């Protein structure tokens, strides 16, 4: 085997490859392909199977990178020095904190 051919990036990724990269269960990857993710949407794929065969999804590496970018969320910074909101004092102890 030629080492340069093995090191070249593959044009398509299989769900098992994404499972290893994302460190999620296989059924989660299939759910991203079929139903989508609440924040990132549906992961675009190509189904290479013929009629009556099992699913054979292939994902372009560019689509996977775009899906990862949509999946990431920005870390919110908490304002430093901001005091917490004061507790309400208008209600008595017998009444409690909640009104039902």
C-alpha atoms as a PDB file:
ATOM      1  CA  UNK A   1       0.000   0.000   0.000  1.00  0.00           C
ATOM      2  CA  UNK A   2       1.152   3.470  -0.784  1.00  0.00           C
ATOM      3  CA  UNK A   3       1.383   5.724   2.285  1.00  0.00           C
ATOM      4  CA  UNK A   4       0.486   8.876   0.363  1.00  0.00           C
ATOM      5  CA  UNK A   5      -2.756   7.332  -0.876  1.00  0.00           C
ATOM      6  CA  UNK A   6      -3.755   6.336   2.664  1.00  0.00           C
ATOM      7  CA  UNK A   7      -2.989   9.820   4.037  1.00  0.00           C
ATOM      8  CA  UNK A   8      -5.099  11.619   1.400  1.00  0.00           C
ATOM      9  CA  UNK A   9      -8.445  12.868   2.735  1.00  0.00           C
ATOM     10  CA  UNK A  10     -11.429  10.838   1.627  1.00  0.00           C
ATOM     11  CA  UNK A  11     -14.108  12.736  -0.296  1.00  0.00           C
ATOM     12  CA  UNK A  12     -16.924  11.058   1.662  1.00  0.00           C
ATOM     13  CA  UNK A  13     -17.261  10.112   5.317  1.00  0.00           C
ATOM     14  CA  UNK A  14     -19.294   7.176   6.549  1.00  0.00           C
ATOM     15  CA  UNK A  15     -21.516   7.394   9.658  1.00  0.00           C
ATOM     16  CA  UNK A  16     -19.003   5.228  11.543  1.00  0.00           C
ATOM     17  CA  UNK A  17     -16.284   7.815  10.818  1.00  0.00           C
ATOM     18  CA  UNK A  18     -18.478  10.606  12.162  1.00  0.00           C
ATOM     19  CA  UNK A  19     -19.324   8.485  15.202  1.00  0.00           C
ATOM     20  CA  UNK A  20     -15.613   8.269  16.043  1.00  0.00           C
ATOM     21  CA  UNK A  21     -14.935  11.952  15.387  1.00  0.00           C
ATOM     22  CA  UNK A  22     -17.952  13.274  17.306  1.00  0.00           C
ATOM     23  CA  UNK A  23     -17.723  10.635  20.072  1.00  0.00           C
ATOM     24  CA  UNK A  24     -21.461   9.960  19.978  1.00  0.00           C
ATOM     25  CA  UNK A  25     -23.424   6.712  19.555  1.00  0.00           C
ATOM     26  CA  UNK A  26     -24.104   5.434  16.045  1.00  0.00           C
ATOM     27  CA  UNK A  27     -27.869   5.926  16.434  1.00  0.00           C
ATOM     28  CA  UNK A  28     -27.254   9.611  17.193  1.00  0.00           C
ATOM     29  CA  UNK A  29     -25.418  10.031  13.887  1.00  0.00           C
ATOM     30  CA  UNK A  30     -28.263   8.289  12.035  1.00  0.00           C
ATOM     31  CA  UNK A  31     -30.753  10.584  13.807  1.00  0.00           C
ATOM     32  CA  UNK A  32     -28.757  13.623  12.608  1.00  0.00           C
ATOM     33  CA  UNK A  33     -29.004  12.250   9.071  1.00  0.00           C
ATOM     34  CA  UNK A  34     -32.715  11.401   9.160  1.00  0.00           C
ATOM     35  CA  UNK A  35     -34.344  13.801  11.637  1.00  0.00           C
ATOM     36  CA  UNK A  36     -31.714  16.473  12.190  1.00  0.00           C
ATOM     37  CA  UNK A  37     -30.453  18.323  15.251  1.00  0.00           C
ATOM     38  CA  UNK A  38     -32.399  21.133  16.999  1.00  0.00           C
ATOM     39  CA  UNK A  39     -29.603  23.699  16.518  1.00  0.00           C
ATOM     40  CA  UNK A  40     -27.697  22.439  13.486  1.00  0.00           C
ATOM     41  CA  UNK A  41     -30.503  21.051  11.309  1.00  0.00           C
ATOM     42  CA  UNK A  42     -30.208  17.978   9.104  1.00  0.00           C
ATOM     43  CA  UNK A  43     -26.766  16.687   8.203  1.00  0.00           C
ATOM     44  CA  UNK A  44     -26.685  16.537   4.371  1.00  0.00           C
ATOM     45  CA  UNK A  45     -25.849  13.087   3.035  1.00  0.00           C
ATOM     46  CA  UNK A  46     -26.001  10.835   0.008  1.00  0.00           C
ATOM     47  CA  UNK A  47     -27.659   7.430   0.228  1.00  0.00           C
ATOM     48  CA  UNK A  48     -25.750   5.017  -2.013  1.00  0.00           C
ATOM     49  CA  UNK A  49     -27.982   1.983  -1.551  1.00  0.00           C
ATOM     50  CA  UNK A  50     -30.219   0.354  -4.109  1.00  0.00           C
ATOM     51  CA  UNK A  51     -33.844  -0.609  -3.577  1.00  0.00           C
ATOM     52  CA  UNK A  52     -34.358  -3.221  -0.876  1.00  0.00           C
ATOM     53  CA  UNK A  53     -30.891  -2.852   0.651  1.00  0.00           C
ATOM     54  CA  UNK A  54     -29.697  -1.383   3.935  1.00  0.00           C
ATOM     55  CA  UNK A  55     -28.918   2.310   4.167  1.00  0.00           C
ATOM     56  CA  UNK A  56     -25.509   3.374   2.926  1.00  0.00           C
ATOM     57  CA  UNK A  57     -25.092   7.010   3.899  1.00  0.00           C
ATOM     58  CA  UNK A  58     -22.056   8.991   2.791  1.00  0.00           C
ATOM     59  CA  UNK A  59     -21.349  12.519   4.024  1.00  0.00           C
ATOM     60  CA  UNK A  60     -19.139  15.061   2.302  1.00  0.00           C
ATOM     61  CA  UNK A  61     -16.370  16.306   4.579  1.00  0.00           C
ATOM     62  CA  UNK A  62     -17.332  19.929   3.793  1.00  0.00           C
ATOM     63  CA  UNK A  63     -20.911  19.250   4.936  1.00  0.00           C
ATOM     64  CA  UNK A  64     -19.628  17.686   8.157  1.00  0.00           C
ATOM     65  CA  UNK A  65     -17.423  20.717   8.897  1.00  0.00           C
ATOM     66  CA  UNK A  66     -20.360  23.088   8.261  1.00  0.00           C
ATOM     67  CA  UNK A  67     -22.576  20.956  10.542  1.00  0.00           C
ATOM     68  CA  UNK A  68     -19.955  21.162  13.301  1.00  0.00           C
ATOM     69  CA  UNK A  69     -19.813  24.949  13.018  1.00  0.00           C
ATOM     70  CA  UNK A  70     -23.595  25.209  13.379  1.00  0.00           C
ATOM     71  CA  UNK A  71     -23.500  22.755  16.276  1.00  0.00           C
ATOM     72  CA  UNK A  72     -21.021  24.781  18.320  1.00  0.00           C
ATOM     73  CA  UNK A  73     -22.342  27.503  20.568  1.00  0.00           C
ATOM     74  CA  UNK A  74     -20.458  30.498  21.831  1.00  0.00           C
ATOM     75  CA  UNK A  75     -19.507  30.499  25.469  1.00  0.00           C
ATOM     76  CA  UNK A  76     -21.321  33.254  27.280  1.00  0.00           C
ATOM     77  CA  UNK A  77     -19.188  35.304  29.608  1.00  0.00           C
ATOM     78  CA  UNK A  78     -20.708  36.222  32.914  1.00  0.00           C
ATOM     79  CA  UNK A  79     -20.280  39.854  33.804  1.00  0.00           C
ATOM     80  CA  UNK A  80     -17.759  40.153  36.580  1.00  0.00           C
ATOM     81  CA  UNK A  81     -18.706  42.170  39.629  1.00  0.00           C
ATOM     82  CA  UNK A  82     -22.429  41.972  38.954  1.00  0.00           C
ATOM     83  CA  UNK A  83     -24.329  41.393  42.166  1.00  0.00           C
ATOM     84  CA  UNK A  84     -27.133  38.827  42.224  1.00  0.00           C
ATOM     85  CA  UNK A  85     -30.717  40.022  42.317  1.00  0.00           C
ATOM     86  CA  UNK A  86     -32.017  40.678  45.860  1.00  0.00           C
ATOM     87  CA  UNK A  87     -34.545  38.260  47.316  1.00  0.00           C
ATOM     88  CA  UNK A  88     -38.103  39.532  47.542  1.00  0.00           C
ATOM     89  CA  UNK A  89     -38.964  40.796  51.026  1.00  0.00           C
ATOM     90  CA  UNK A  90     -42.574  41.878  50.573  1.00  0.00           C
ATOM     91  CA  UNK A  91     -44.092  38.486  51.451  1.00  0.00           C
ATOM     92  CA  UNK A  92     -44.209  37.085  54.923  1.00  0.00           C
ATOM     93  CA  UNK A  93     -42.633  33.769  55.901  1.00  0.00           C
ATOM     94  CA  UNK A  94     -46.054  32.120  56.392  1.00  0.00           C
ATOM     95  CA  UNK A  95     -47.079  32.909  52.831  1.00  0.00           C
ATOM     96  CA  UNK A  96     -44.035  31.308  51.212  1.00  0.00           C
ATOM     97  CA  UNK A  97     -42.202  32.142  47.992  1.00  0.00           C
ATOM     98  CA  UNK A  98     -44.819  30.897  45.515  1.00  0.00           C
ATOM     99  CA  UNK A  99     -48.442  31.783  44.927  1.00  0.00           C
ATOM    100  CA  UNK A 100     -50.541  28.871  43.767  1.00  0.00           C
END
